[in-house]
Amino acid sequence: LRCELLITLRAGDRVMSLLDVLPDDFTPLPR
């Protein structure tokens, strides 16, 4: 899965990136 990733930075800013994730790693993550 190619995911859009929203990262909260140490200073409180948020940035967007992309992250490829295997489905078996994505499915159990909390929604």
Full PDB file with SEQRES, HELIX, SHEET, SSBOND, CRYST1, ORIGX, SCALE, CONECT and MASTER records, all heavy atoms in Angstrom:
SEQRES   1 A   31  LEU ARG CYS GLU LEU LEU ILE THR LEU ARG ALA GLY ASP          
SEQRES   2 A   31  ARG VAL MET SER LEU LEU ASP VAL LEU PRO ASP ASP PHE          
SEQRES   3 A   31  THR PRO LEU PRO ARG                                          
HELIX    1 AA1 PRO A   23  PHE A   26  1                                   4    
SHEET    1 AA1 2 ARG A   2  THR A   8  0                                        
SHEET    2 AA1 2 ARG A  14  ASP A  20 -1                                        
CRYST1    1.000    1.000    1.000  90.00  90.00  90.00 P 1           1          
ORIGX1      1.000000  0.000000  0.000000        0.00000                         
ORIGX2      0.000000  1.000000  0.000000        0.00000                         
ORIGX3      0.000000  0.000000  1.000000        0.00000                         
SCALE1      1.000000  0.000000  0.000000        0.00000                         
SCALE2      0.000000  1.000000  0.000000        0.00000                         
SCALE3      0.000000  0.000000  1.000000        0.00000                         
ATOM      1  N   LEU A   1       0.857  -1.178   0.000  1.00  0.00           N  
ATOM      2  CA  LEU A   1       0.000   0.000   0.000  1.00  0.00           C  
ATOM      3  C   LEU A   1       0.893   1.227   0.000  1.00  0.00           C  
ATOM      4  O   LEU A   1       1.798   1.338   0.828  1.00  0.00           O  
ATOM      5  CB  LEU A   1      -0.880   0.024   1.249  1.00  0.00           C  
ATOM      6  CG  LEU A   1      -1.947  -1.049   1.325  1.00  0.00           C  
ATOM      7  CD1 LEU A   1      -2.462  -1.194   2.745  1.00  0.00           C  
ATOM      8  CD2 LEU A   1      -3.086  -0.696   0.377  1.00  0.00           C  
ATOM      9  N   ARG A   2       0.668   2.120  -0.927  1.00  0.00           N  
ATOM     10  CA  ARG A   2       1.357   3.409  -0.900  1.00  0.00           C  
ATOM     11  C   ARG A   2       0.459   4.336  -0.090  1.00  0.00           C  
ATOM     12  O   ARG A   2      -0.668   4.644  -0.471  1.00  0.00           O  
ATOM     13  CB  ARG A   2       1.586   3.949  -2.298  1.00  0.00           C  
ATOM     14  CG  ARG A   2       2.272   5.293  -2.257  1.00  0.00           C  
ATOM     15  CD  ARG A   2       3.172   5.553  -3.412  1.00  0.00           C  
ATOM     16  NE  ARG A   2       4.237   4.586  -3.517  1.00  0.00           N  
ATOM     17  CZ  ARG A   2       4.893   4.335  -4.639  1.00  0.00           C  
ATOM     18  NH1 ARG A   2       4.602   4.991  -5.743  1.00  0.00           N  
ATOM     19  NH2 ARG A   2       5.864   3.439  -4.666  1.00  0.00           N  
ATOM     20  N   CYS A   3       0.966   4.763   1.048  1.00  0.00           N  
ATOM     21  CA  CYS A   3       0.179   5.553   1.991  1.00  0.00           C  
ATOM     22  C   CYS A   3       0.659   6.993   2.046  1.00  0.00           C  
ATOM     23  O   CYS A   3       1.857   7.262   1.951  1.00  0.00           O  
ATOM     24  CB  CYS A   3       0.303   4.960   3.399  1.00  0.00           C  
ATOM     25  SG  CYS A   3      -0.353   3.290   3.549  1.00  0.00           S  
ATOM     26  N   GLU A   4      -0.299   7.886   2.227  1.00  0.00           N  
ATOM     27  CA  GLU A   4       0.033   9.245   2.612  1.00  0.00           C  
ATOM     28  C   GLU A   4       0.295   9.194   4.106  1.00  0.00           C  
ATOM     29  O   GLU A   4      -0.455   8.563   4.858  1.00  0.00           O  
ATOM     30  CB  GLU A   4      -1.116  10.193   2.298  1.00  0.00           C  
ATOM     31  CG  GLU A   4      -1.343  10.363   0.816  1.00  0.00           C  
ATOM     32  CD  GLU A   4      -2.461  11.344   0.504  1.00  0.00           C  
ATOM     33  OE1 GLU A   4      -3.109  11.869   1.439  1.00  0.00           O  
ATOM     34  OE2 GLU A   4      -2.697  11.576  -0.683  1.00  0.00           O  
ATOM     35  N   LEU A   5       1.369   9.826   4.523  1.00  0.00           N  
ATOM     36  CA  LEU A   5       1.799   9.792   5.915  1.00  0.00           C  
ATOM     37  C   LEU A   5       1.836  11.210   6.460  1.00  0.00           C  
ATOM     38  O   LEU A   5       2.467  12.084   5.859  1.00  0.00           O  
ATOM     39  CB  LEU A   5       3.184   9.150   6.002  1.00  0.00           C  
ATOM     40  CG  LEU A   5       3.935   9.245   7.321  1.00  0.00           C  
ATOM     41  CD1 LEU A   5       3.198   8.497   8.430  1.00  0.00           C  
ATOM     42  CD2 LEU A   5       5.348   8.688   7.156  1.00  0.00           C  
ATOM     43  N   LEU A   6       1.154  11.440   7.551  1.00  0.00           N  
ATOM     44  CA  LEU A   6       1.194  12.725   8.233  1.00  0.00           C  
ATOM     45  C   LEU A   6       2.021  12.538   9.496  1.00  0.00           C  
ATOM     46  O   LEU A   6       1.646  11.774  10.389  1.00  0.00           O  
ATOM     47  CB  LEU A   6      -0.220  13.197   8.585  1.00  0.00           C  
ATOM     48  CG  LEU A   6      -0.337  14.585   9.186  1.00  0.00           C  
ATOM     49  CD1 LEU A   6       0.070  15.664   8.176  1.00  0.00           C  
ATOM     50  CD2 LEU A   6      -1.759  14.840   9.675  1.00  0.00           C  
ATOM     51  N   ILE A   7       3.168  13.220   9.543  1.00  0.00           N  
ATOM     52  CA  ILE A   7       4.092  13.086  10.670  1.00  0.00           C  
ATOM     53  C   ILE A   7       3.985  14.331  11.539  1.00  0.00           C  
ATOM     54  O   ILE A   7       4.067  15.460  11.039  1.00  0.00           O  
ATOM     55  CB  ILE A   7       5.550  12.943  10.179  1.00  0.00           C  
ATOM     56  CG1 ILE A   7       5.702  11.765   9.228  1.00  0.00           C  
ATOM     57  CG2 ILE A   7       6.504  12.819  11.365  1.00  0.00           C  
ATOM     58  CD1 ILE A   7       7.074  11.697   8.560  1.00  0.00           C  
ATOM     59  N   THR A   8       3.834  14.120  12.826  1.00  0.00           N  
ATOM     60  CA  THR A   8       3.913  15.218  13.786  1.00  0.00           C  
ATOM     61  C   THR A   8       5.373  15.357  14.185  1.00  0.00           C  
ATOM     62  O   THR A   8       6.005  14.384  14.618  1.00  0.00           O  
ATOM     63  CB  THR A   8       3.049  14.923  15.035  1.00  0.00           C  
ATOM     64  OG1 THR A   8       1.710  14.674  14.613  1.00  0.00           O  
ATOM     65  CG2 THR A   8       3.085  16.081  16.008  1.00  0.00           C  
ATOM     66  N   LEU A   9       5.916  16.550  14.007  1.00  0.00           N  
ATOM     67  CA  LEU A   9       7.323  16.793  14.312  1.00  0.00           C  
ATOM     68  C   LEU A   9       7.499  17.240  15.760  1.00  0.00           C  
ATOM     69  O   LEU A   9       6.543  17.652  16.417  1.00  0.00           O  
ATOM     70  CB  LEU A   9       7.893  17.840  13.359  1.00  0.00           C  
ATOM     71  CG  LEU A   9       7.840  17.473  11.870  1.00  0.00           C  
ATOM     72  CD1 LEU A   9       8.349  18.629  11.024  1.00  0.00           C  
ATOM     73  CD2 LEU A   9       8.628  16.200  11.598  1.00  0.00           C  
ATOM     74  N   ARG A  10       8.726  17.192  16.217  1.00  0.00           N  
ATOM     75  CA  ARG A  10       9.057  17.560  17.599  1.00  0.00           C  
ATOM     76  C   ARG A  10       8.564  18.965  17.962  1.00  0.00           C  
ATOM     77  O   ARG A  10       8.107  19.202  19.071  1.00  0.00           O  
ATOM     78  CB  ARG A  10      10.557  17.457  17.835  1.00  0.00           C  
ATOM     79  CG  ARG A  10      11.053  16.029  17.848  1.00  0.00           C  
ATOM     80  CD  ARG A  10      12.560  15.968  18.044  1.00  0.00           C  
ATOM     81  NE  ARG A  10      13.017  14.595  17.978  1.00  0.00           N  
ATOM     82  CZ  ARG A  10      13.079  13.780  19.021  1.00  0.00           C  
ATOM     83  NH1 ARG A  10      12.740  14.195  20.210  1.00  0.00           N  
ATOM     84  NH2 ARG A  10      13.504  12.533  18.855  1.00  0.00           N  
ATOM     85  N   ALA A  11       8.660  19.903  17.033  1.00  0.00           N  
ATOM     86  CA  ALA A  11       8.250  21.285  17.301  1.00  0.00           C  
ATOM     87  C   ALA A  11       6.739  21.481  17.165  1.00  0.00           C  
ATOM     88  O   ALA A  11       6.242  22.583  17.357  1.00  0.00           O  
ATOM     89  CB  ALA A  11       8.992  22.234  16.358  1.00  0.00           C  
ATOM     90  N   GLY A  12       6.002  20.422  16.818  1.00  0.00           N  
ATOM     91  CA  GLY A  12       4.554  20.521  16.681  1.00  0.00           C  
ATOM     92  C   GLY A  12       4.070  20.699  15.260  1.00  0.00           C  
ATOM     93  O   GLY A  12       2.881  20.579  14.993  1.00  0.00           O  
ATOM     94  N   ASP A  13       4.991  21.010  14.329  1.00  0.00           N  
ATOM     95  CA  ASP A  13       4.606  21.104  12.918  1.00  0.00           C  
ATOM     96  C   ASP A  13       4.165  19.730  12.432  1.00  0.00           C  
ATOM     97  O   ASP A  13       4.515  18.699  13.021  1.00  0.00           O  
ATOM     98  CB  ASP A  13       5.796  21.557  12.057  1.00  0.00           C  
ATOM     99  CG  ASP A  13       6.300  22.937  12.415  1.00  0.00           C  
ATOM    100  OD1 ASP A  13       5.493  23.760  12.885  1.00  0.00           O  
ATOM    101  OD2 ASP A  13       7.497  23.190  12.219  1.00  0.00           O  
ATOM    102  N   ARG A  14       3.439  19.722  11.327  1.00  0.00           N  
ATOM    103  CA  ARG A  14       3.065  18.467  10.677  1.00  0.00           C  
ATOM    104  C   ARG A  14       3.543  18.531   9.246  1.00  0.00           C  
ATOM    105  O   ARG A  14       3.425  19.559   8.586  1.00  0.00           O  
ATOM    106  CB  ARG A  14       1.566  18.255  10.738  1.00  0.00           C  
ATOM    107  CG  ARG A  14       1.095  17.963  12.152  1.00  0.00           C  
ATOM    108  CD  ARG A  14      -0.300  17.404  12.125  1.00  0.00           C  
ATOM    109  NE  ARG A  14      -0.677  16.926  13.418  1.00  0.00           N  
ATOM    110  CZ  ARG A  14      -1.483  17.580  14.253  1.00  0.00           C  
ATOM    111  NH1 ARG A  14      -1.984  18.732  13.896  1.00  0.00           N  
ATOM    112  NH2 ARG A  14      -1.792  17.058  15.411  1.00  0.00           N  
ATOM    113  N   VAL A  15       4.072  17.411   8.773  1.00  0.00           N  
ATOM    114  CA  VAL A  15       4.532  17.315   7.397  1.00  0.00           C  
ATOM    115  C   VAL A  15       3.951  16.063   6.765  1.00  0.00           C  
ATOM    116  O   VAL A  15       3.607  15.105   7.453  1.00  0.00           O  
ATOM    117  CB  VAL A  15       6.087  17.291   7.297  1.00  0.00           C  
ATOM    118  CG1 VAL A  15       6.678  18.616   7.738  1.00  0.00           C  
ATOM    119  CG2 VAL A  15       6.682  16.139   8.082  1.00  0.00           C  
ATOM    120  N   MET A  16       3.855  16.098   5.442  1.00  0.00           N  
ATOM    121  CA  MET A  16       3.314  14.978   4.689  1.00  0.00           C  
ATOM    122  C   MET A  16       4.429  14.284   3.934  1.00  0.00           C  
ATOM    123  O   MET A  16       5.344  14.924   3.427  1.00  0.00           O  
ATOM    124  CB  MET A  16       2.265  15.482   3.703  1.00  0.00           C  
ATOM    125  CG  MET A  16       1.368  14.406   3.118  1.00  0.00           C  
ATOM    126  SD  MET A  16       2.087  13.405   1.808  1.00  0.00           S  
ATOM    127  CE  MET A  16       1.655  14.319   0.381  1.00  0.00           C  
ATOM    128  N   SER A  17       4.359  12.963   3.905  1.00  0.00           N  
ATOM    129  CA  SER A  17       5.284  12.157   3.126  1.00  0.00           C  
ATOM    130  C   SER A  17       4.496  10.976   2.580  1.00  0.00           C  
ATOM    131  O   SER A  17       3.287  10.863   2.808  1.00  0.00           O  
ATOM    132  CB  SER A  17       6.445  11.679   4.018  1.00  0.00           C  
ATOM    133  OG  SER A  17       7.418  11.016   3.237  1.00  0.00           O  
ATOM    134  N   LEU A  18       5.171  10.122   1.862  1.00  0.00           N  
ATOM    135  CA  LEU A  18       4.586   8.873   1.393  1.00  0.00           C  
ATOM    136  C   LEU A  18       5.356   7.728   2.027  1.00  0.00           C  
ATOM    137  O   LEU A  18       6.561   7.837   2.271  1.00  0.00           O  
ATOM    138  CB  LEU A  18       4.657   8.770  -0.129  1.00  0.00           C  
ATOM    139  CG  LEU A  18       3.871   9.815  -0.900  1.00  0.00           C  
ATOM    140  CD1 LEU A  18       4.152   9.689  -2.404  1.00  0.00           C  
ATOM    141  CD2 LEU A  18       2.378   9.707  -0.637  1.00  0.00           C  
ATOM    142  N   LEU A  19       4.658   6.641   2.277  1.00  0.00           N  
ATOM    143  CA  LEU A  19       5.292   5.468   2.865  1.00  0.00           C  
ATOM    144  C   LEU A  19       4.649   4.222   2.285  1.00  0.00           C  
ATOM    145  O   LEU A  19       3.427   4.077   2.333  1.00  0.00           O  
ATOM    146  CB  LEU A  19       5.144   5.491   4.389  1.00  0.00           C  
ATOM    147  CG  LEU A  19       5.715   4.307   5.162  1.00  0.00           C  
ATOM    148  CD1 LEU A  19       7.217   4.165   4.916  1.00  0.00           C  
ATOM    149  CD2 LEU A  19       5.429   4.453   6.649  1.00  0.00           C  
ATOM    150  N   ASP A  20       5.462   3.347   1.719  1.00  0.00           N  
ATOM    151  CA  ASP A  20       4.974   2.060   1.233  1.00  0.00           C  
ATOM    152  C   ASP A  20       4.941   1.090   2.407  1.00  0.00           C  
ATOM    153  O   ASP A  20       5.938   0.933   3.127  1.00  0.00           O  
ATOM    154  CB  ASP A  20       5.872   1.524   0.117  1.00  0.00           C  
ATOM    155  CG  ASP A  20       5.703   2.289  -1.186  1.00  0.00           C  
ATOM    156  OD1 ASP A  20       4.716   3.049  -1.308  1.00  0.00           O  
ATOM    157  OD2 ASP A  20       6.548   2.133  -2.083  1.00  0.00           O  
ATOM    158  N   VAL A  21       3.779   0.455   2.596  1.00  0.00           N  
ATOM    159  CA  VAL A  21       3.550  -0.421   3.739  1.00  0.00           C  
ATOM    160  C   VAL A  21       2.961  -1.733   3.236  1.00  0.00           C  
ATOM    161  O   VAL A  21       2.051  -1.734   2.405  1.00  0.00           O  
ATOM    162  CB  VAL A  21       2.565   0.241   4.740  1.00  0.00           C  
ATOM    163  CG1 VAL A  21       2.275  -0.659   5.914  1.00  0.00           C  
ATOM    164  CG2 VAL A  21       3.093   1.589   5.202  1.00  0.00           C  
ATOM    165  N   LEU A  22       3.466  -2.842   3.758  1.00  0.00           N  
ATOM    166  CA  LEU A  22       2.891  -4.140   3.408  1.00  0.00           C  
ATOM    167  C   LEU A  22       1.505  -4.260   4.049  1.00  0.00           C  
ATOM    168  O   LEU A  22       1.301  -3.801   5.180  1.00  0.00           O  
ATOM    169  CB  LEU A  22       3.793  -5.265   3.888  1.00  0.00           C  
ATOM    170  CG  LEU A  22       5.188  -5.298   3.278  1.00  0.00           C  
ATOM    171  CD1 LEU A  22       5.976  -6.488   3.837  1.00  0.00           C  
ATOM    172  CD2 LEU A  22       5.149  -5.361   1.765  1.00  0.00           C  
ATOM    173  N   PRO A  23       0.558  -4.878   3.348  1.00  0.00           N  
ATOM    174  CA  PRO A  23      -0.799  -4.998   3.893  1.00  0.00           C  
ATOM    175  C   PRO A  23      -0.835  -5.676   5.267  1.00  0.00           C  
ATOM    176  O   PRO A  23      -1.617  -5.279   6.126  1.00  0.00           O  
ATOM    177  CB  PRO A  23      -1.544  -5.841   2.846  1.00  0.00           C  
ATOM    178  CG  PRO A  23      -0.771  -5.641   1.591  1.00  0.00           C  
ATOM    179  CD  PRO A  23       0.659  -5.431   1.998  1.00  0.00           C  
ATOM    180  N   ASP A  24       0.024  -6.682   5.476  1.00  0.00           N  
ATOM    181  CA  ASP A  24       0.043  -7.366   6.773  1.00  0.00           C  
ATOM    182  C   ASP A  24       0.531  -6.470   7.898  1.00  0.00           C  
ATOM    183  O   ASP A  24       0.259  -6.736   9.071  1.00  0.00           O  
ATOM    184  CB  ASP A  24       0.913  -8.622   6.708  1.00  0.00           C  
ATOM    185  CG  ASP A  24       0.274  -9.729   5.889  1.00  0.00           C  
ATOM    186  OD1 ASP A  24      -0.940  -9.654   5.600  1.00  0.00           O  
ATOM    187  OD2 ASP A  24       0.992 -10.687   5.533  1.00  0.00           O  
ATOM    188  N   ASP A  25       1.266  -5.408   7.560  1.00  0.00           N  
ATOM    189  CA  ASP A  25       1.697  -4.437   8.569  1.00  0.00           C  
ATOM    190  C   ASP A  25       0.652  -3.343   8.763  1.00  0.00           C  
ATOM    191  O   ASP A  25       0.539  -2.775   9.850  1.00  0.00           O  
ATOM    192  CB  ASP A  25       3.028  -3.791   8.163  1.00  0.00           C  
ATOM    193  CG  ASP A  25       4.191  -4.770   8.179  1.00  0.00           C  
ATOM    194  OD1 ASP A  25       4.134  -5.765   8.930  1.00  0.00           O  
ATOM    195  OD2 ASP A  25       5.164  -4.540   7.433  1.00  0.00           O  
ATOM    196  N   PHE A  26      -0.122  -3.041   7.709  1.00  0.00           N  
ATOM    197  CA  PHE A  26      -1.122  -1.971   7.759  1.00  0.00           C  
ATOM    198  C   PHE A  26      -2.381  -2.405   8.514  1.00  0.00           C  
ATOM    199  O   PHE A  26      -2.883  -1.666   9.372  1.00  0.00           O  
ATOM    200  CB  PHE A  26      -1.486  -1.553   6.333  1.00  0.00           C  
ATOM    201  CG  PHE A  26      -2.449  -0.408   6.246  1.00  0.00           C  
ATOM    202  CD1 PHE A  26      -1.998   0.902   6.307  1.00  0.00           C  
ATOM    203  CD2 PHE A  26      -3.816  -0.626   6.095  1.00  0.00           C  
ATOM    204  CE1 PHE A  26      -2.878   1.973   6.225  1.00  0.00           C  
ATOM    205  CE2 PHE A  26      -4.704   0.434   6.011  1.00  0.00           C  
ATOM    206  CZ  PHE A  26      -4.228   1.736   6.073  1.00  0.00           C  
ATOM    207  N   THR A  27      -2.871  -3.580   8.212  1.00  0.00           N  
ATOM    208  CA  THR A  27      -4.163  -4.040   8.727  1.00  0.00           C  
ATOM    209  C   THR A  27      -4.289  -3.968  10.251  1.00  0.00           C  
ATOM    210  O   THR A  27      -5.297  -3.463  10.750  1.00  0.00           O  
ATOM    211  CB  THR A  27      -4.463  -5.461   8.213  1.00  0.00           C  
ATOM    212  OG1 THR A  27      -4.469  -5.425   6.784  1.00  0.00           O  
ATOM    213  CG2 THR A  27      -5.788  -5.982   8.727  1.00  0.00           C  
ATOM    214  N   PRO A  28      -3.308  -4.450  11.017  1.00  0.00           N  
ATOM    215  CA  PRO A  28      -3.504  -4.450  12.474  1.00  0.00           C  
ATOM    216  C   PRO A  28      -3.331  -3.085  13.162  1.00  0.00           C  
ATOM    217  O   PRO A  28      -3.612  -2.963  14.353  1.00  0.00           O  
ATOM    218  CB  PRO A  28      -2.439  -5.425  12.975  1.00  0.00           C  
ATOM    219  CG  PRO A  28      -1.378  -5.423  11.942  1.00  0.00           C  
ATOM    220  CD  PRO A  28      -2.079  -5.155  10.641  1.00  0.00           C  
ATOM    221  N   LEU A  29      -2.895  -2.073  12.435  1.00  0.00           N  
ATOM    222  CA  LEU A  29      -2.705  -0.762  13.052  1.00  0.00           C  
ATOM    223  C   LEU A  29      -4.043  -0.196  13.509  1.00  0.00           C  
ATOM    224  O   LEU A  29      -5.061  -0.388  12.844  1.00  0.00           O  
ATOM    225  CB  LEU A  29      -2.044   0.199  12.061  1.00  0.00           C  
ATOM    226  CG  LEU A  29      -0.628  -0.151  11.619  1.00  0.00           C  
ATOM    227  CD1 LEU A  29      -0.185   0.764  10.477  1.00  0.00           C  
ATOM    228  CD2 LEU A  29       0.351  -0.076  12.782  1.00  0.00           C  
ATOM    229  N   PRO A  30      -4.048   0.521  14.624  1.00  0.00           N  
ATOM    230  CA  PRO A  30      -5.312   1.102  15.095  1.00  0.00           C  
ATOM    231  C   PRO A  30      -5.804   2.198  14.163  1.00  0.00           C  
ATOM    232  O   PRO A  30      -5.009   2.948  13.598  1.00  0.00           O  
ATOM    233  CB  PRO A  30      -4.960   1.666  16.478  1.00  0.00           C  
ATOM    234  CG  PRO A  30      -3.484   1.834  16.481  1.00  0.00           C  
ATOM    235  CD  PRO A  30      -2.928   0.831  15.511  1.00  0.00           C  
ATOM    236  N   ARG A  31      -7.111   2.264  14.011  1.00  0.00           N  
ATOM    237  CA  ARG A  31      -7.676   3.315  13.159  1.00  0.00           C  
ATOM    238  C   ARG A  31      -8.201   4.452  14.025  1.00  0.00           C  
ATOM    239  O   ARG A  31      -8.404   4.291  15.225  1.00  0.00           O  
ATOM    240  CB  ARG A  31      -8.730   2.759  12.240  1.00  0.00           C  
ATOM    241  CG  ARG A  31      -9.833   2.057  12.902  1.00  0.00           C  
ATOM    242  CD  ARG A  31     -10.748   1.442  11.885  1.00  0.00           C  
ATOM    243  NE  ARG A  31     -11.047   0.104  12.375  1.00  0.00           N  
ATOM    244  CZ  ARG A  31     -11.862  -0.708  11.811  1.00  0.00           C  
ATOM    245  NH1 ARG A  31     -12.461  -0.394  10.717  1.00  0.00           N  
ATOM    246  NH2 ARG A  31     -12.088  -1.888  12.319  1.00  0.00           N  
TER     247      ARG A  31                                                      
MASTER        0    0    0    1    2    0    0    6  246    1    0    3          
END                                                                             
